[in-house]
């Protein structure tokens, strides 16, 4: 089966999530501004905005109006959901 292509905003969100998981962006760290991210990742402002929305949905960042976007969580590892860790029985 052929793997479907991923949207650019998902690729960007995954890259930022990887930086959070590795500690490059620790909890409390501010993400670069939107314009800075467009230059850093060579994507459009719309892609940056959608990536930030995706990261908020994942519970990794929070945006404070007129303050910026900050890391608030770590990505969950596969198998870390409570249902998968409960004993069978």
PDB file of N, CA and C in Angstrom:
ATOM      1  N   UNK A   1       0.838  -1.178   0.000  1.00  0.00           N
ATOM      2  CA  UNK A   1       0.000   0.000   0.000  1.00  0.00           C
ATOM      3  C   UNK A   1       0.886   1.245   0.000  1.00  0.00           C
ATOM      4  N   UNK A   2       0.506   2.224  -0.765  1.00  0.00           N
ATOM      5  CA  UNK A   2       1.272   3.460  -0.864  1.00  0.00           C
ATOM      6  C   UNK A   2       0.940   4.371   0.307  1.00  0.00           C
ATOM      7  N   UNK A   3       1.981   4.938   0.918  1.00  0.00           N
ATOM      8  CA  UNK A   3       1.786   5.857   2.035  1.00  0.00           C
ATOM      9  C   UNK A   3       1.334   7.204   1.495  1.00  0.00           C
ATOM     10  N   UNK A   4       0.322   7.784   2.132  1.00  0.00           N
ATOM     11  CA  UNK A   4      -0.188   9.076   1.709  1.00  0.00           C
ATOM     12  C   UNK A   4       0.794  10.178   2.081  1.00  0.00           C
ATOM     13  N   UNK A   5       0.909  11.208   1.246  1.00  0.00           N
ATOM     14  CA  UNK A   5       1.803  12.317   1.585  1.00  0.00           C
ATOM     15  C   UNK A   5       1.250  13.091   2.780  1.00  0.00           C
ATOM     16  N   UNK A   6       2.155  13.611   3.614  1.00  0.00           N
ATOM     17  CA  UNK A   6       1.737  14.407   4.764  1.00  0.00           C
ATOM     18  C   UNK A   6       1.719  15.876   4.375  1.00  0.00           C
ATOM     19  N   UNK A   7       0.787  16.608   4.967  1.00  0.00           N
ATOM     20  CA  UNK A   7       0.724  18.042   4.734  1.00  0.00           C
ATOM     21  C   UNK A   7       1.945  18.709   5.354  1.00  0.00           C
ATOM     22  N   UNK A   8       2.334  19.851   4.775  1.00  0.00           N
ATOM     23  CA  UNK A   8       3.506  20.579   5.275  1.00  0.00           C
ATOM     24  C   UNK A   8       3.326  21.012   6.722  1.00  0.00           C
ATOM     25  N   UNK A   9       2.122  21.432   7.098  1.00  0.00           N
ATOM     26  CA  UNK A   9       1.929  21.875   8.479  1.00  0.00           C
ATOM     27  C   UNK A   9       2.087  20.721   9.463  1.00  0.00           C
ATOM     28  N   UNK A  10       1.718  19.506   9.051  1.00  0.00           N
ATOM     29  CA  UNK A  10       1.898  18.340   9.916  1.00  0.00           C
ATOM     30  C   UNK A  10       3.383  18.024  10.044  1.00  0.00           C
ATOM     31  N   UNK A  11       4.124  18.127   8.942  1.00  0.00           N
ATOM     32  CA  UNK A  11       5.574  17.912   8.992  1.00  0.00           C
ATOM     33  C   UNK A  11       6.234  18.922   9.936  1.00  0.00           C
ATOM     34  N   UNK A  12       5.803  20.177   9.855  1.00  0.00           N
ATOM     35  CA  UNK A  12       6.364  21.208  10.723  1.00  0.00           C
ATOM     36  C   UNK A  12       5.994  20.943  12.180  1.00  0.00           C
ATOM     37  N   UNK A  13       4.741  20.600  12.433  1.00  0.00           N
ATOM     38  CA  UNK A  13       4.315  20.283  13.805  1.00  0.00           C
ATOM     39  C   UNK A  13       5.103  19.095  14.340  1.00  0.00           C
ATOM     40  N   UNK A  14       5.328  18.090  13.509  1.00  0.00           N
ATOM     41  CA  UNK A  14       6.112  16.927  13.936  1.00  0.00           C
ATOM     42  C   UNK A  14       7.559  17.323  14.255  1.00  0.00           C
ATOM     43  N   UNK A  15       8.132  18.213  13.451  1.00  0.00           N
ATOM     44  CA  UNK A  15       9.513  18.662  13.688  1.00  0.00           C
ATOM     45  C   UNK A  15       9.617  19.426  15.008  1.00  0.00           C
ATOM     46  N   UNK A  16       8.636  20.283  15.274  1.00  0.00           N
ATOM     47  CA  UNK A  16       8.653  21.040  16.528  1.00  0.00           C
ATOM     48  C   UNK A  16       8.402  20.106  17.701  1.00  0.00           C
ATOM     49  N   UNK A  17       7.490  19.141  17.541  1.00  0.00           N
ATOM     50  CA  UNK A  17       7.234  18.160  18.601  1.00  0.00           C
ATOM     51  C   UNK A  17       8.493  17.358  18.901  1.00  0.00           C
ATOM     52  N   UNK A  18       9.270  17.041  17.867  1.00  0.00           N
ATOM     53  CA  UNK A  18      10.529  16.315  18.071  1.00  0.00           C
ATOM     54  C   UNK A  18      11.519  17.174  18.858  1.00  0.00           C
ATOM     55  N   UNK A  19      11.546  18.486  18.586  1.00  0.00           N
ATOM     56  CA  UNK A  19      12.416  19.391  19.345  1.00  0.00           C
ATOM     57  C   UNK A  19      11.981  19.459  20.813  1.00  0.00           C
ATOM     58  N   UNK A  20      10.679  19.389  21.049  1.00  0.00           N
ATOM     59  CA  UNK A  20      10.179  19.391  22.419  1.00  0.00           C
ATOM     60  C   UNK A  20      10.576  18.089  23.111  1.00  0.00           C
ATOM     61  N   UNK A  21      10.388  16.971  22.420  1.00  0.00           N
ATOM     62  CA  UNK A  21      10.703  15.659  23.003  1.00  0.00           C
ATOM     63  C   UNK A  21      12.193  15.522  23.310  1.00  0.00           C
ATOM     64  N   UNK A  22      13.038  16.110  22.463  1.00  0.00           N
ATOM     65  CA  UNK A  22      14.480  15.990  22.660  1.00  0.00           C
ATOM     66  C   UNK A  22      15.015  16.933  23.727  1.00  0.00           C
ATOM     67  N   UNK A  23      14.192  17.891  24.147  1.00  0.00           N
ATOM     68  CA  UNK A  23      14.638  18.861  25.135  1.00  0.00           C
ATOM     69  C   UNK A  23      15.212  20.117  24.522  1.00  0.00           C
ATOM     70  N   UNK A  24      15.286  20.162  23.201  1.00  0.00           N
ATOM     71  CA  UNK A  24      15.772  21.369  22.533  1.00  0.00           C
ATOM     72  C   UNK A  24      14.836  22.541  22.831  1.00  0.00           C
ATOM     73  N   UNK A  25      13.540  22.240  22.959  1.00  0.00           N
ATOM     74  CA  UNK A  25      12.549  23.219  23.383  1.00  0.00           C
ATOM     75  C   UNK A  25      11.938  22.707  24.695  1.00  0.00           C
ATOM     76  N   UNK A  26      12.503  23.067  25.837  1.00  0.00           N
ATOM     77  CA  UNK A  26      12.000  22.553  27.121  1.00  0.00           C
ATOM     78  C   UNK A  26      10.687  23.221  27.515  1.00  0.00           C
ATOM     79  N   UNK A  27      10.019  22.632  28.496  1.00  0.00           N
ATOM     80  CA  UNK A  27       8.774  23.192  29.000  1.00  0.00           C
ATOM     81  C   UNK A  27       9.015  24.623  29.455  1.00  0.00           C
ATOM     82  N   UNK A  28       8.123  25.521  29.039  1.00  0.00           N
ATOM     83  CA  UNK A  28       8.252  26.934  29.376  1.00  0.00           C
ATOM     84  C   UNK A  28       8.958  27.753  28.316  1.00  0.00           C
ATOM     85  N   UNK A  29       9.621  27.092  27.369  1.00  0.00           N
ATOM     86  CA  UNK A  29      10.339  27.805  26.313  1.00  0.00           C
ATOM     87  C   UNK A  29       9.359  28.437  25.335  1.00  0.00           C
ATOM     88  N   UNK A  30       9.710  29.592  24.841  1.00  0.00           N
ATOM     89  CA  UNK A  30       8.895  30.269  23.841  1.00  0.00           C
ATOM     90  C   UNK A  30       9.290  29.785  22.445  1.00  0.00           C
ATOM     91  N   UNK A  31       8.293  29.531  21.617  1.00  0.00           N
ATOM     92  CA  UNK A  31       8.571  29.237  20.219  1.00  0.00           C
ATOM     93  C   UNK A  31       8.953  30.535  19.531  1.00  0.00           C
ATOM     94  N   UNK A  32       9.743  30.465  18.469  1.00  0.00           N
ATOM     95  CA  UNK A  32      10.026  31.691  17.712  1.00  0.00           C
ATOM     96  C   UNK A  32       8.715  32.294  17.201  1.00  0.00           C
ATOM     97  N   UNK A  33       8.722  33.566  16.899  1.00  0.00           N
ATOM     98  CA  UNK A  33       7.540  34.219  16.330  1.00  0.00           C
ATOM     99  C   UNK A  33       7.201  33.642  14.964  1.00  0.00           C
ATOM    100  N   UNK A  34       5.998  33.929  14.503  1.00  0.00           N
ATOM    101  CA  UNK A  34       5.537  33.384  13.224  1.00  0.00           C
ATOM    102  C   UNK A  34       6.469  33.747  12.077  1.00  0.00           C
ATOM    103  N   UNK A  35       6.841  35.000  11.987  1.00  0.00           N
ATOM    104  CA  UNK A  35       7.723  35.443  10.888  1.00  0.00           C
ATOM    105  C   UNK A  35       9.089  34.762  10.979  1.00  0.00           C
ATOM    106  N   UNK A  36       9.601  34.626  12.174  1.00  0.00           N
ATOM    107  CA  UNK A  36      10.896  33.960  12.353  1.00  0.00           C
ATOM    108  C   UNK A  36      10.799  32.498  11.917  1.00  0.00           C
ATOM    109  N   UNK A  37       9.673  31.842  12.236  1.00  0.00           N
ATOM    110  CA  UNK A  37       9.509  30.436  11.844  1.00  0.00           C
ATOM    111  C   UNK A  37       9.375  30.286  10.330  1.00  0.00           C
ATOM    112  N   UNK A  38       8.777  31.289   9.667  1.00  0.00           N
ATOM    113  CA  UNK A  38       8.687  31.189   8.205  1.00  0.00           C
ATOM    114  C   UNK A  38      10.086  31.183   7.593  1.00  0.00           C
ATOM    115  N   UNK A  39      10.971  31.988   8.140  1.00  0.00           N
ATOM    116  CA  UNK A  39      12.353  32.020   7.648  1.00  0.00           C
ATOM    117  C   UNK A  39      13.123  30.775   8.071  1.00  0.00           C
ATOM    118  N   UNK A  40      12.954  30.366   9.309  1.00  0.00           N
ATOM    119  CA  UNK A  40      13.684  29.232   9.863  1.00  0.00           C
ATOM    120  C   UNK A  40      13.339  27.930   9.140  1.00  0.00           C
ATOM    121  N   UNK A  41      12.050  27.705   8.909  1.00  0.00           N
ATOM    122  CA  UNK A  41      11.608  26.444   8.315  1.00  0.00           C
ATOM    123  C   UNK A  41      11.293  26.556   6.819  1.00  0.00           C
ATOM    124  N   UNK A  42      11.399  27.758   6.278  1.00  0.00           N
ATOM    125  CA  UNK A  42      11.153  28.010   4.853  1.00  0.00           C
ATOM    126  C   UNK A  42       9.772  27.530   4.413  1.00  0.00           C
ATOM    127  N   UNK A  43       8.771  27.993   5.170  1.00  0.00           N
ATOM    128  CA  UNK A  43       7.378  27.683   4.859  1.00  0.00           C
ATOM    129  C   UNK A  43       6.571  28.973   4.917  1.00  0.00           C
ATOM    130  N   UNK A  44       5.332  28.917   4.465  1.00  0.00           N
ATOM    131  CA  UNK A  44       4.475  30.099   4.480  1.00  0.00           C
ATOM    132  C   UNK A  44       3.943  30.368   5.882  1.00  0.00           C
ATOM    133  N   UNK A  45       3.453  31.582   6.082  1.00  0.00           N
ATOM    134  CA  UNK A  45       2.888  31.955   7.374  1.00  0.00           C
ATOM    135  C   UNK A  45       1.660  31.101   7.683  1.00  0.00           C
ATOM    136  N   UNK A  46       0.892  30.751   6.667  1.00  0.00           N
ATOM    137  CA  UNK A  46      -0.273  29.891   6.865  1.00  0.00           C
ATOM    138  C   UNK A  46       0.116  28.516   7.372  1.00  0.00           C
ATOM    139  N   UNK A  47       1.221  27.991   6.859  1.00  0.00           N
ATOM    140  CA  UNK A  47       1.719  26.693   7.320  1.00  0.00           C
ATOM    141  C   UNK A  47       2.138  26.775   8.779  1.00  0.00           C
ATOM    142  N   UNK A  48       2.809  27.850   9.156  1.00  0.00           N
ATOM    143  CA  UNK A  48       3.234  28.043  10.544  1.00  0.00           C
ATOM    144  C   UNK A  48       2.010  28.114  11.449  1.00  0.00           C
ATOM    145  N   UNK A  49       1.015  28.878  11.049  1.00  0.00           N
ATOM    146  CA  UNK A  49      -0.181  29.038  11.882  1.00  0.00           C
ATOM    147  C   UNK A  49      -0.917  27.714  12.063  1.00  0.00           C
ATOM    148  N   UNK A  50      -1.039  26.936  10.991  1.00  0.00           N
ATOM    149  CA  UNK A  50      -1.714  25.638  11.090  1.00  0.00           C
ATOM    150  C   UNK A  50      -0.909  24.661  11.943  1.00  0.00           C
ATOM    151  N   UNK A  51       0.419  24.740  11.854  1.00  0.00           N
ATOM    152  CA  UNK A  51       1.275  23.872  12.669  1.00  0.00           C
ATOM    153  C   UNK A  51       1.100  24.194  14.149  1.00  0.00           C
ATOM    154  N   UNK A  52       1.010  25.470  14.484  1.00  0.00           N
ATOM    155  CA  UNK A  52       0.824  25.872  15.882  1.00  0.00           C
ATOM    156  C   UNK A  52      -0.543  25.395  16.381  1.00  0.00           C
ATOM    157  N   UNK A  53      -1.564  25.484  15.546  1.00  0.00           N
ATOM    158  CA  UNK A  53      -2.885  24.967  15.928  1.00  0.00           C
ATOM    159  C   UNK A  53      -2.791  23.458  16.187  1.00  0.00           C
ATOM    160  N   UNK A  54      -2.073  22.756  15.331  1.00  0.00           N
ATOM    161  CA  UNK A  54      -1.891  21.311  15.499  1.00  0.00           C
ATOM    162  C   UNK A  54      -1.172  21.002  16.812  1.00  0.00           C
ATOM    163  N   UNK A  55      -0.149  21.773  17.132  1.00  0.00           N
ATOM    164  CA  UNK A  55       0.583  21.567  18.387  1.00  0.00           C
ATOM    165  C   UNK A  55      -0.297  21.855  19.595  1.00  0.00           C
ATOM    166  N   UNK A  56      -1.181  22.853  19.478  1.00  0.00           N
ATOM    167  CA  UNK A  56      -2.127  23.126  20.567  1.00  0.00           C
ATOM    168  C   UNK A  56      -3.088  21.967  20.739  1.00  0.00           C
ATOM    169  N   UNK A  57      -3.571  21.396  19.631  1.00  0.00           N
ATOM    170  CA  UNK A  57      -4.466  20.236  19.697  1.00  0.00           C
ATOM    171  C   UNK A  57      -3.786  19.057  20.380  1.00  0.00           C
ATOM    172  N   UNK A  58      -2.494  18.919  20.165  1.00  0.00           N
ATOM    173  CA  UNK A  58      -1.726  17.829  20.776  1.00  0.00           C
ATOM    174  C   UNK A  58      -1.400  18.105  22.241  1.00  0.00           C
ATOM    175  N   UNK A  59      -1.693  19.315  22.712  1.00  0.00           N
ATOM    176  CA  UNK A  59      -1.427  19.662  24.103  1.00  0.00           C
ATOM    177  C   UNK A  59       0.030  19.969  24.385  1.00  0.00           C
ATOM    178  N   UNK A  60       0.772  20.347  23.350  1.00  0.00           N
ATOM    179  CA  UNK A  60       2.203  20.604  23.525  1.00  0.00           C
ATOM    180  C   UNK A  60       2.529  22.069  23.762  1.00  0.00           C
ATOM    181  N   UNK A  61       1.692  22.969  23.235  1.00  0.00           N
ATOM    182  CA  UNK A  61       1.956  24.401  23.363  1.00  0.00           C
ATOM    183  C   UNK A  61       0.673  25.137  23.727  1.00  0.00           C
ATOM    184  N   UNK A  62       0.845  26.335  24.254  1.00  0.00           N
ATOM    185  CA  UNK A  62      -0.266  27.244  24.530  1.00  0.00           C
ATOM    186  C   UNK A  62       0.134  28.609  23.993  1.00  0.00           C
ATOM    187  N   UNK A  63      -0.832  29.315  23.430  1.00  0.00           N
ATOM    188  CA  UNK A  63      -0.580  30.647  22.898  1.00  0.00           C
ATOM    189  C   UNK A  63      -1.251  31.674  23.798  1.00  0.00           C
ATOM    190  N   UNK A  64      -0.469  32.639  24.233  1.00  0.00           N
ATOM    191  CA  UNK A  64      -0.978  33.740  25.041  1.00  0.00           C
ATOM    192  C   UNK A  64      -1.061  34.970  24.147  1.00  0.00           C
ATOM    193  N   UNK A  65      -2.243  35.556  23.994  1.00  0.00           N
ATOM    194  CA  UNK A  65      -2.388  36.715  23.112  1.00  0.00           C
ATOM    195  C   UNK A  65      -1.382  37.811  23.443  1.00  0.00           C
ATOM    196  N   UNK A  66      -0.739  38.315  22.432  1.00  0.00           N
ATOM    197  CA  UNK A  66       0.248  39.395  22.520  1.00  0.00           C
ATOM    198  C   UNK A  66       1.490  39.011  23.320  1.00  0.00           C
ATOM    199  N   UNK A  67       1.626  37.732  23.685  1.00  0.00           N
ATOM    200  CA  UNK A  67       2.797  37.278  24.450  1.00  0.00           C
ATOM    201  C   UNK A  67       3.621  36.261  23.680  1.00  0.00           C
ATOM    202  N   UNK A  68       2.962  35.348  22.969  1.00  0.00           N
ATOM    203  CA  UNK A  68       3.691  34.327  22.221  1.00  0.00           C
ATOM    204  C   UNK A  68       3.152  32.937  22.490  1.00  0.00           C
ATOM    205  N   UNK A  69       3.853  31.960  21.940  1.00  0.00           N
ATOM    206  CA  UNK A  69       3.475  30.562  22.082  1.00  0.00           C
ATOM    207  C   UNK A  69       4.556  29.860  22.884  1.00  0.00           C
ATOM    208  N   UNK A  70       4.129  29.106  23.913  1.00  0.00           N
ATOM    209  CA  UNK A  70       5.052  28.487  24.851  1.00  0.00           C
ATOM    210  C   UNK A  70       4.821  26.984  24.948  1.00  0.00           C
ATOM    211  N   UNK A  71       5.898  26.261  25.191  1.00  0.00           N
ATOM    212  CA  UNK A  71       5.829  24.815  25.380  1.00  0.00           C
ATOM    213  C   UNK A  71       5.202  24.545  26.744  1.00  0.00           C
ATOM    214  N   UNK A  72       4.160  23.697  26.761  1.00  0.00           N
ATOM    215  CA  UNK A  72       3.513  23.362  28.030  1.00  0.00           C
ATOM    216  C   UNK A  72       3.527  21.870  28.316  1.00  0.00           C
ATOM    217  N   UNK A  73       3.887  21.040  27.342  1.00  0.00           N
ATOM    218  CA  UNK A  73       3.835  19.601  27.556  1.00  0.00           C
ATOM    219  C   UNK A  73       4.845  18.854  26.719  1.00  0.00           C
ATOM    220  N   UNK A  74       4.881  17.556  26.954  1.00  0.00           N
ATOM    221  CA  UNK A  74       5.760  16.657  26.207  1.00  0.00           C
ATOM    222  C   UNK A  74       4.904  15.729  25.376  1.00  0.00           C
ATOM    223  N   UNK A  75       5.383  15.327  24.201  1.00  0.00           N
ATOM    224  CA  UNK A  75       4.611  14.374  23.403  1.00  0.00           C
ATOM    225  C   UNK A  75       4.511  13.033  24.116  1.00  0.00           C
ATOM    226  N   UNK A  76       3.370  12.375  23.998  1.00  0.00           N
ATOM    227  CA  UNK A  76       3.203  11.053  24.588  1.00  0.00           C
ATOM    228  C   UNK A  76       3.904  10.029  23.718  1.00  0.00           C
ATOM    229  N   UNK A  77       4.629   9.137  24.353  1.00  0.00           N
ATOM    230  CA  UNK A  77       5.276   8.055  23.621  1.00  0.00           C
ATOM    231  C   UNK A  77       4.232   7.014  23.253  1.00  0.00           C
ATOM    232  N   UNK A  78       4.456   6.305  22.184  1.00  0.00           N
ATOM    233  CA  UNK A  78       3.550   5.251  21.775  1.00  0.00           C
ATOM    234  C   UNK A  78       3.498   4.211  22.882  1.00  0.00           C
ATOM    235  N   UNK A  79       2.295   3.804  23.253  1.00  0.00           N
ATOM    236  CA  UNK A  79       2.146   2.832  24.319  1.00  0.00           C
ATOM    237  C   UNK A  79       2.000   3.458  25.693  1.00  0.00           C
ATOM    238  N   UNK A  80       1.974   4.786  25.764  1.00  0.00           N
ATOM    239  CA  UNK A  80       1.849   5.453  27.051  1.00  0.00           C
ATOM    240  C   UNK A  80       0.417   5.818  27.395  1.00  0.00           C
ATOM    241  N   UNK A  81      -0.552   5.367  26.622  1.00  0.00           N
ATOM    242  CA  UNK A  81      -1.934   5.666  26.944  1.00  0.00           C
ATOM    243  C   UNK A  81      -2.382   4.748  28.066  1.00  0.00           C
ATOM    244  N   UNK A  82      -3.232   5.212  28.965  1.00  0.00           N
ATOM    245  CA  UNK A  82      -3.647   4.392  30.105  1.00  0.00           C
ATOM    246  C   UNK A  82      -4.266   3.064  29.703  1.00  0.00           C
ATOM    247  N   UNK A  83      -5.029   3.045  28.607  1.00  0.00           N
ATOM    248  CA  UNK A  83      -5.674   1.801  28.177  1.00  0.00           C
ATOM    249  C   UNK A  83      -4.650   0.717  27.851  1.00  0.00           C
ATOM    250  N   UNK A  84      -3.517   1.105  27.296  1.00  0.00           N
ATOM    251  CA  UNK A  84      -2.507   0.127  26.892  1.00  0.00           C
ATOM    252  C   UNK A  84      -1.678  -0.352  28.064  1.00  0.00           C
ATOM    253  N   UNK A  85      -1.675   0.391  29.163  1.00  0.00           N
ATOM    254  CA  UNK A  85      -0.849   0.019  30.310  1.00  0.00           C
ATOM    255  C   UNK A  85      -1.628  -0.715  31.400  1.00  0.00           C
ATOM    256  N   UNK A  86      -2.952  -0.845  31.239  1.00  0.00           N
ATOM    257  CA  UNK A  86      -3.753  -1.524  32.254  1.00  0.00           C
ATOM    258  C   UNK A  86      -3.603  -3.031  32.113  1.00  0.00           C
ATOM    259  N   UNK A  87      -3.591  -3.733  33.238  1.00  0.00           N
ATOM    260  CA  UNK A  87      -3.472  -5.203  33.172  1.00  0.00           C
ATOM    261  C   UNK A  87      -4.727  -5.813  32.559  1.00  0.00           C
ATOM    262  N   UNK A  88      -4.571  -6.921  31.874  1.00  0.00           N
ATOM    263  CA  UNK A  88      -5.683  -7.628  31.259  1.00  0.00           C
ATOM    264  C   UNK A  88      -6.300  -8.555  32.300  1.00  0.00           C
ATOM    265  N   UNK A  89      -7.404  -8.162  32.872  1.00  0.00           N
ATOM    266  CA  UNK A  89      -7.961  -9.125  33.775  1.00  0.00           C
ATOM    267  C   UNK A  89      -8.778  -8.595  34.799  1.00  0.00           C
TER     268      UNK A  89
END
